[in-house]
Amino acid sequence: MKINFTTNNVINIYKSNRVSQNSNINKSNKSDSIEISNVSKEIAKYLSLAKDYDIINEKVDKIKEQIKNSKYDIDTEKLSKSILKELKGCE
């Protein structure tokens, strides 16, 4: 078996490898990106403010404790008025 091993063959193989490496480098320079809308930024801002709002957290904790101890009373009349008021406001 005879193997053709000439300088031109080696140079051509080197050049083809070099071209494929360069194309891989160009591909690796690209990156994905994400763009967040202004509405999402506003929502995130308000969510972070809500997490820091201790007064509401204290009220929620108090109501949770009352429910846990079966001492939470619901004013059904006040609740129904509030529901009707919201429904009328939506129309």
C-alpha atoms as a PDB file:
ATOM      1  CA  MET A   1       0.000   0.000   0.000  1.00  0.00           C
ATOM      2  CA  LYS A   2       1.361   3.384  -0.988  1.00  0.00           C
ATOM      3  CA  ILE A   3       0.472   6.523   0.999  1.00  0.00           C
ATOM      4  CA  ASN A   4       0.728   9.837  -0.790  1.00  0.00           C
ATOM      5  CA  PHE A   5       2.296  12.185   1.669  1.00  0.00           C
ATOM      6  CA  THR A   6       3.278  15.389  -0.005  1.00  0.00           C
ATOM      7  CA  THR A   7       3.782  18.868   1.338  1.00  0.00           C
ATOM      8  CA  ASN A   8       0.787  20.130  -0.610  1.00  0.00           C
ATOM      9  CA  ASN A   9      -1.482  17.563   1.035  1.00  0.00           C
ATOM     10  CA  VAL A  10      -0.295  18.608   4.483  1.00  0.00           C
ATOM     11  CA  ILE A  11      -0.761  22.303   3.689  1.00  0.00           C
ATOM     12  CA  ASN A  12      -4.273  21.687   2.342  1.00  0.00           C
ATOM     13  CA  ILE A  13      -5.239  19.698   5.441  1.00  0.00           C
ATOM     14  CA  TYR A  14      -3.816  22.452   7.675  1.00  0.00           C
ATOM     15  CA  LYS A  15      -5.739  25.130   5.782  1.00  0.00           C
ATOM     16  CA  SER A  16      -9.020  23.216   5.945  1.00  0.00           C
ATOM     17  CA  ASN A  17      -8.602  22.665   9.677  1.00  0.00           C
ATOM     18  CA  ARG A  18      -7.781  26.324  10.182  1.00  0.00           C
ATOM     19  CA  VAL A  19     -10.902  27.446   8.303  1.00  0.00           C
ATOM     20  CA  SER A  20     -13.134  25.143  10.365  1.00  0.00           C
ATOM     21  CA  GLN A  21     -11.550  26.412  13.590  1.00  0.00           C
ATOM     22  CA  ASN A  22     -12.148  30.027  12.552  1.00  0.00           C
ATOM     23  CA  SER A  23     -15.789  29.313  11.808  1.00  0.00           C
ATOM     24  CA  ASN A  24     -16.130  27.696  15.253  1.00  0.00           C
ATOM     25  CA  ILE A  25     -14.621  30.795  16.857  1.00  0.00           C
ATOM     26  CA  ASN A  26     -17.111  33.042  15.037  1.00  0.00           C
ATOM     27  CA  LYS A  27     -19.989  30.855  16.190  1.00  0.00           C
ATOM     28  CA  SER A  28     -18.815  30.914  19.794  1.00  0.00           C
ATOM     29  CA  ASN A  29     -18.726  34.726  19.853  1.00  0.00           C
ATOM     30  CA  LYS A  30     -22.487  34.867  19.437  1.00  0.00           C
ATOM     31  CA  SER A  31     -24.614  34.811  22.545  1.00  0.00           C
ATOM     32  CA  ASP A  32     -28.266  34.733  23.518  1.00  0.00           C
ATOM     33  CA  SER A  33     -29.912  37.732  25.065  1.00  0.00           C
ATOM     34  CA  ILE A  34     -33.145  38.519  26.868  1.00  0.00           C
ATOM     35  CA  GLU A  35     -34.924  41.845  26.847  1.00  0.00           C
ATOM     36  CA  ILE A  36     -37.371  42.613  29.643  1.00  0.00           C
ATOM     37  CA  SER A  37     -40.300  44.854  28.810  1.00  0.00           C
ATOM     38  CA  ASN A  38     -41.027  48.058  30.712  1.00  0.00           C
ATOM     39  CA  VAL A  39     -44.237  46.558  32.095  1.00  0.00           C
ATOM     40  CA  SER A  40     -42.291  43.627  33.556  1.00  0.00           C
ATOM     41  CA  LYS A  41     -39.805  46.028  35.109  1.00  0.00           C
ATOM     42  CA  GLU A  42     -42.647  47.973  36.735  1.00  0.00           C
ATOM     43  CA  ILE A  43     -44.224  44.768  38.066  1.00  0.00           C
ATOM     44  CA  ALA A  44     -40.879  43.669  39.507  1.00  0.00           C
ATOM     45  CA  LYS A  45     -40.489  47.052  41.192  1.00  0.00           C
ATOM     46  CA  TYR A  46     -43.897  46.818  42.847  1.00  0.00           C
ATOM     47  CA  LEU A  47     -43.333  43.211  43.892  1.00  0.00           C
ATOM     48  CA  SER A  48     -40.117  44.163  45.638  1.00  0.00           C
ATOM     49  CA  LEU A  49     -41.923  47.028  47.402  1.00  0.00           C
ATOM     50  CA  ALA A  50     -44.721  44.684  48.483  1.00  0.00           C
ATOM     51  CA  LYS A  51     -42.229  42.272  50.051  1.00  0.00           C
ATOM     52  CA  ASP A  52     -40.853  45.071  52.204  1.00  0.00           C
ATOM     53  CA  TYR A  53     -44.259  46.271  53.379  1.00  0.00           C
ATOM     54  CA  ASP A  54     -44.334  45.028  57.002  1.00  0.00           C
ATOM     55  CA  ILE A  55     -47.758  46.359  58.007  1.00  0.00           C
ATOM     56  CA  ILE A  56     -49.585  44.075  55.596  1.00  0.00           C
ATOM     57  CA  ASN A  57     -47.417  41.129  56.647  1.00  0.00           C
ATOM     58  CA  GLU A  58     -48.332  41.763  60.275  1.00  0.00           C
ATOM     59  CA  LYS A  59     -52.035  41.818  59.420  1.00  0.00           C
ATOM     60  CA  VAL A  60     -51.730  38.617  57.419  1.00  0.00           C
ATOM     61  CA  ASP A  61     -49.862  36.911  60.249  1.00  0.00           C
ATOM     62  CA  LYS A  62     -52.534  38.028  62.708  1.00  0.00           C
ATOM     63  CA  ILE A  63     -55.346  36.664  60.523  1.00  0.00           C
ATOM     64  CA  LYS A  64     -53.452  33.390  59.977  1.00  0.00           C
ATOM     65  CA  GLU A  65     -53.111  32.991  63.744  1.00  0.00           C
ATOM     66  CA  GLN A  66     -56.822  33.675  64.264  1.00  0.00           C
ATOM     67  CA  ILE A  67     -57.765  31.116  61.611  1.00  0.00           C
ATOM     68  CA  LYS A  68     -55.397  28.581  63.156  1.00  0.00           C
ATOM     69  CA  ASN A  69     -57.044  29.069  66.569  1.00  0.00           C
ATOM     70  CA  SER A  70     -60.577  29.041  65.059  1.00  0.00           C
ATOM     71  CA  LYS A  71     -61.164  32.593  66.302  1.00  0.00           C
ATOM     72  CA  TYR A  72     -61.439  34.364  62.950  1.00  0.00           C
ATOM     73  CA  ASP A  73     -64.922  35.833  62.517  1.00  0.00           C
ATOM     74  CA  ILE A  74     -66.127  37.037  59.144  1.00  0.00           C
ATOM     75  CA  ASP A  75     -68.573  39.911  58.960  1.00  0.00           C
ATOM     76  CA  THR A  76     -70.746  38.496  56.156  1.00  0.00           C
ATOM     77  CA  GLU A  77     -72.721  41.719  55.721  1.00  0.00           C
ATOM     78  CA  LYS A  78     -69.566  43.776  55.259  1.00  0.00           C
ATOM     79  CA  LEU A  79     -68.171  41.139  52.899  1.00  0.00           C
ATOM     80  CA  SER A  80     -71.305  41.046  50.728  1.00  0.00           C
ATOM     81  CA  LYS A  81     -71.434  44.858  50.530  1.00  0.00           C
ATOM     82  CA  SER A  82     -67.796  44.933  49.480  1.00  0.00           C
ATOM     83  CA  ILE A  83     -68.392  42.286  46.779  1.00  0.00           C
ATOM     84  CA  LEU A  84     -71.415  44.177  45.413  1.00  0.00           C
ATOM     85  CA  LYS A  85     -69.467  47.423  45.422  1.00  0.00           C
ATOM     86  CA  GLU A  86     -66.670  45.815  43.367  1.00  0.00           C
ATOM     87  CA  LEU A  87     -69.125  44.245  40.939  1.00  0.00           C
ATOM     88  CA  LYS A  88     -70.879  47.568  40.375  1.00  0.00           C
ATOM     89  CA  GLY A  89     -67.532  49.251  39.789  1.00  0.00           C
ATOM     90  CA  CYS A  90     -66.628  46.729  37.064  1.00  0.00           C
ATOM     91  CA  GLU A  91     -69.664  47.513  34.932  1.00  0.00           C
END
